[in-house]
Amino acid sequence: MSTNNEILFQDKIDTGFKIEPKDWMPDKYRNHLIRQISQHAHSEIIGMQPEGNWITRAPTLRAKMVLIAKVQDEAGHGLYLYSATETLGITRNELIEQLQTGKAKYSSIFNYPTLSWADMGAIGWLVDGAAIVNQQSLRRTSYGPYSRAMVRICKEESFHQRQGYEIMSKMSNGTLEQQEMAQDALNRWWWPSLMMFGPHDSESAHTSNAMKWKIKRE
């Protein structure tokens, strides 16, 4: 049976109000958010590494500057999200420890190797493109700090996607070697990018509560 606090909490969500850090919330809602937002934060931080490896090998100074800016953005996204998670009563040190011990997860797509400069294009165009599709609805998620962080993150991700498209476009119109490199990167990143959409919602144990609490909007 629902308590009075639970009824008021659900009414607030159903009427479109945001839940803020000092508001009462069920432990299951809090724990769901900690799991989801921390996984998102970890993915941003881990996602810097495959691209960071190519900063010193970028083909032009402009390409290096753009990639540095992108990696810097991803560090910022991780910090926004860690800060949002901390409002739920968990410390930054605890979050990092969970990542290092394997208790917390991150997106497995960042375990794939980046073999050529064309991978920077494929990641930006395909992986960041898939992330934008997944994350747009999170701008309207019910938890205020997460929602506000996602508004800024989604704007910056659109820049990353465009940067990836530019790399792939230039290489596709370049030498035969560049075209083959771009095609190889596209072939390797296509299916991993599609897998970012995950299994059908009906196969997730978290879907019901996520939809009820409007953490997940679509």
Protein backbone atom coordinates (compact mmCIF):
# COMPACT_ATOMS: atom_id res chain seq x y z
CA MET A 1 0.00 0.00 0.00
CA SER A 2 1.34 3.42 -0.93
CA THR A 3 2.16 5.88 1.83
CA ASN A 4 1.01 9.49 1.75
CA ASN A 5 4.53 10.59 0.72
CA GLU A 6 4.54 8.12 -2.17
CA ILE A 7 1.13 9.33 -3.36
CA LEU A 8 2.23 12.97 -3.25
CA PHE A 9 5.50 12.08 -4.99
CA GLN A 10 3.71 10.31 -7.85
CA ASP A 11 1.15 13.10 -8.15
CA LYS A 12 3.97 15.62 -8.52
CA ILE A 13 5.53 13.58 -11.32
CA ASP A 14 2.19 12.95 -13.05
CA THR A 15 1.44 16.68 -13.13
CA GLY A 16 4.79 17.44 -14.78
CA PHE A 17 6.77 18.92 -11.88
CA LYS A 18 10.46 18.13 -11.47
CA ILE A 19 11.78 16.28 -8.45
CA GLU A 20 14.58 18.27 -6.80
CA PRO A 21 17.33 17.06 -4.43
CA LYS A 22 15.62 18.22 -1.22
CA ASP A 23 12.25 16.71 -2.18
CA TRP A 24 11.11 13.45 -0.64
CA MET A 25 11.62 10.49 -2.99
CA PRO A 26 11.32 6.69 -2.64
CA ASP A 27 14.58 4.82 -2.14
CA LYS A 28 13.92 2.84 -5.33
CA TYR A 29 13.68 6.08 -7.32
CA ARG A 30 16.91 7.38 -5.77
CA ASN A 31 18.78 4.12 -6.38
CA HIS A 32 17.50 3.87 -9.95
CA LEU A 33 18.83 7.36 -10.68
CA ILE A 34 22.19 6.68 -9.02
CA ARG A 35 22.63 3.58 -11.17
CA GLN A 36 21.55 5.27 -14.40
CA ILE A 37 23.26 8.65 -14.04
CA SER A 38 26.52 7.20 -12.72
CA GLN A 39 26.65 4.75 -15.64
CA HIS A 40 26.14 7.69 -17.98
CA ALA A 41 28.88 9.69 -16.21
CA HIS A 42 31.33 6.79 -16.31
CA SER A 43 30.65 6.33 -20.03
CA GLU A 44 31.54 9.96 -20.72
CA ILE A 45 34.84 9.67 -18.82
CA ILE A 46 35.83 6.30 -20.28
CA GLY A 47 34.74 7.52 -23.72
CA MET A 48 37.45 10.18 -23.63
CA GLN A 49 40.21 7.59 -23.75
CA PRO A 50 39.89 6.02 -27.24
CA GLU A 51 39.70 9.51 -28.76
CA GLY A 52 42.35 11.01 -26.52
CA ASN A 53 44.80 8.49 -27.94
CA TRP A 54 44.48 10.20 -31.34
CA ILE A 55 45.09 13.80 -30.26
CA THR A 56 48.83 13.61 -30.94
CA ARG A 57 48.22 11.78 -34.24
CA ALA A 58 45.58 14.08 -35.74
CA PRO A 59 46.42 14.82 -39.41
CA THR A 60 46.19 18.64 -39.15
CA LEU A 61 46.44 21.30 -36.49
CA ARG A 62 42.75 22.15 -36.99
CA ALA A 63 41.77 18.49 -36.57
CA LYS A 64 43.81 18.33 -33.38
CA MET A 65 42.14 21.47 -31.99
CA VAL A 66 38.66 20.12 -32.76
CA LEU A 67 39.40 16.73 -31.18
CA ILE A 68 40.85 18.38 -28.06
CA ALA A 69 37.66 20.44 -27.77
CA LYS A 70 35.53 17.31 -28.09
CA VAL A 71 37.47 15.38 -25.45
CA GLN A 72 37.25 18.42 -23.18
CA ASP A 73 33.48 18.49 -23.68
CA GLU A 74 33.23 14.83 -22.70
CA ALA A 75 35.16 15.50 -19.51
CA GLY A 76 32.68 18.27 -18.77
CA HIS A 77 29.74 15.96 -19.43
CA GLY A 78 31.13 13.48 -16.93
CA LEU A 79 31.51 16.23 -14.34
CA TYR A 80 27.95 17.52 -14.91
CA LEU A 81 26.63 14.01 -14.41
CA TYR A 82 28.78 13.19 -11.38
CA SER A 83 27.54 16.41 -9.81
CA ALA A 84 23.93 15.45 -10.55
CA THR A 85 24.50 12.02 -9.01
CA GLU A 86 26.03 13.55 -5.88
CA THR A 87 22.76 15.39 -5.22
CA LEU A 88 21.24 11.95 -4.55
CA GLY A 89 23.44 11.39 -1.50
CA ILE A 90 26.43 9.48 -2.88
CA THR A 91 29.97 10.88 -2.94
CA ARG A 92 32.28 11.26 -5.93
CA ASN A 93 34.78 8.90 -4.30
CA GLU A 94 32.10 6.23 -3.95
CA LEU A 95 31.16 6.60 -7.60
CA ILE A 96 34.77 6.25 -8.77
CA GLU A 97 35.31 3.25 -6.49
CA GLN A 98 32.24 1.54 -7.97
CA LEU A 99 33.65 2.09 -11.45
CA GLN A 100 37.09 0.78 -10.56
CA THR A 101 35.78 -2.33 -8.79
CA GLY A 102 33.35 -3.17 -11.59
CA LYS A 103 30.23 -2.65 -9.49
CA ALA A 104 29.18 0.19 -11.78
CA LYS A 105 29.04 -0.21 -15.55
CA TYR A 106 29.82 1.98 -18.54
CA SER A 107 28.93 1.67 -22.21
CA SER A 108 30.79 -1.31 -23.66
CA ILE A 109 31.21 0.45 -27.01
CA PHE A 110 34.26 2.20 -25.59
CA ASN A 111 36.06 -1.15 -25.33
CA TYR A 112 36.40 -1.35 -29.12
CA PRO A 113 39.82 -0.33 -30.51
CA THR A 114 40.33 2.84 -32.54
CA LEU A 115 42.60 1.69 -35.35
CA SER A 116 42.79 4.74 -37.62
CA TRP A 117 41.95 8.43 -37.83
CA ALA A 118 38.75 7.46 -39.64
CA ASP A 119 37.56 5.92 -36.38
CA MET A 120 37.33 9.45 -34.97
CA GLY A 121 34.88 10.21 -37.75
CA ALA A 122 32.87 7.02 -37.34
CA ILE A 123 32.61 7.48 -33.57
CA GLY A 124 31.43 11.06 -33.92
CA TRP A 125 28.99 10.38 -36.74
CA LEU A 126 27.58 7.03 -35.63
CA VAL A 127 28.22 6.61 -31.90
CA ASP A 128 27.48 10.20 -30.92
CA GLY A 129 24.55 10.17 -33.35
CA ALA A 130 23.10 7.13 -31.56
CA ALA A 131 23.74 8.80 -28.19
CA ILE A 132 21.77 11.87 -29.30
CA VAL A 133 18.79 9.69 -30.21
CA ASN A 134 18.96 7.94 -26.84
CA GLN A 135 19.46 11.09 -24.80
CA GLN A 136 17.10 13.67 -26.30
CA SER A 137 14.16 12.55 -24.16
CA LEU A 138 16.30 12.76 -21.00
CA ARG A 139 16.06 16.55 -21.25
CA ARG A 140 12.49 16.01 -19.98
CA THR A 141 13.32 13.42 -17.34
CA SER A 142 11.61 13.88 -13.97
CA TYR A 143 14.74 14.53 -11.88
CA GLY A 144 15.66 18.20 -12.14
CA PRO A 145 19.49 18.08 -11.92
CA TYR A 146 19.66 15.28 -14.51
CA SER A 147 17.23 17.05 -16.84
CA ARG A 148 19.16 20.32 -16.73
CA ALA A 149 22.50 18.57 -17.30
CA MET A 150 21.07 16.80 -20.34
CA VAL A 151 19.91 20.04 -21.95
CA ARG A 152 23.51 21.21 -22.15
CA ILE A 153 24.97 17.81 -22.99
CA CYS A 154 22.62 17.27 -25.93
CA LYS A 155 23.58 20.64 -27.42
CA GLU A 156 27.26 19.76 -27.25
CA GLU A 157 26.73 16.24 -28.59
CA SER A 158 25.28 17.71 -31.78
CA PHE A 159 28.65 19.41 -32.35
CA HIS A 160 30.42 16.08 -31.86
CA GLN A 161 28.16 14.37 -34.37
CA ARG A 162 28.81 17.10 -36.92
CA GLN A 163 32.55 16.85 -36.36
CA GLY A 164 32.40 13.11 -37.07
CA TYR A 165 30.37 13.68 -40.22
CA GLU A 166 32.93 16.22 -41.45
CA ILE A 167 35.79 13.75 -41.00
CA MET A 168 33.94 10.97 -42.82
CA SER A 169 32.87 13.32 -45.62
CA LYS A 170 36.42 14.57 -46.21
CA MET A 171 37.87 11.07 -46.23
CA SER A 172 35.13 9.78 -48.53
CA ASN A 173 36.12 12.46 -51.05
CA GLY A 174 39.85 11.95 -50.57
CA THR A 175 42.38 9.48 -51.94
CA LEU A 176 41.58 5.82 -52.51
CA GLU A 177 43.48 4.96 -49.32
CA GLN A 178 41.42 7.48 -47.34
CA GLN A 179 38.18 6.15 -48.83
CA GLU A 180 39.12 2.59 -47.88
CA MET A 181 40.04 3.75 -44.38
CA ALA A 182 36.67 5.49 -43.98
CA GLN A 183 34.79 2.44 -45.26
CA ASP A 184 36.68 0.13 -42.90
CA ALA A 185 35.84 2.35 -39.92
CA LEU A 186 32.20 2.52 -40.97
CA ASN A 187 32.04 -1.27 -41.28
CA ARG A 188 33.54 -1.79 -37.83
CA TRP A 189 31.43 0.80 -35.97
CA TRP A 190 28.05 0.28 -37.66
CA TRP A 191 26.80 -2.67 -35.60
CA PRO A 192 28.27 -1.51 -32.27
CA SER A 193 26.49 1.81 -32.83
CA LEU A 194 23.17 0.06 -33.42
CA MET A 195 23.70 -2.00 -30.27
CA MET A 196 23.73 1.24 -28.26
CA PHE A 197 19.93 1.21 -28.52
CA GLY A 198 19.95 -1.92 -26.36
CA PRO A 199 17.36 -4.68 -26.08
CA HIS A 200 13.63 -4.06 -26.38
CA ASP A 201 12.15 -2.26 -23.37
CA SER A 202 10.04 -5.32 -22.59
CA GLU A 203 13.25 -7.22 -21.80
CA SER A 204 14.42 -4.73 -19.15
CA ALA A 205 13.51 -5.14 -15.49
CA HIS A 206 13.84 -1.38 -15.03
CA THR A 207 11.40 -0.18 -17.70
CA SER A 208 8.18 -0.28 -15.68
CA ASN A 209 9.39 1.96 -12.85
CA ALA A 210 11.38 4.19 -15.20
CA MET A 211 8.23 4.94 -17.20
CA LYS A 212 6.03 5.28 -14.10
CA TRP A 213 8.43 7.81 -12.56
CA LYS A 214 9.06 9.51 -15.93
CA ILE A 215 12.78 8.97 -15.67
CA LYS A 216 12.36 7.43 -19.10
CA ARG A 217 9.95 9.41 -21.28
CA GLU A 218 9.88 7.38 -24.49
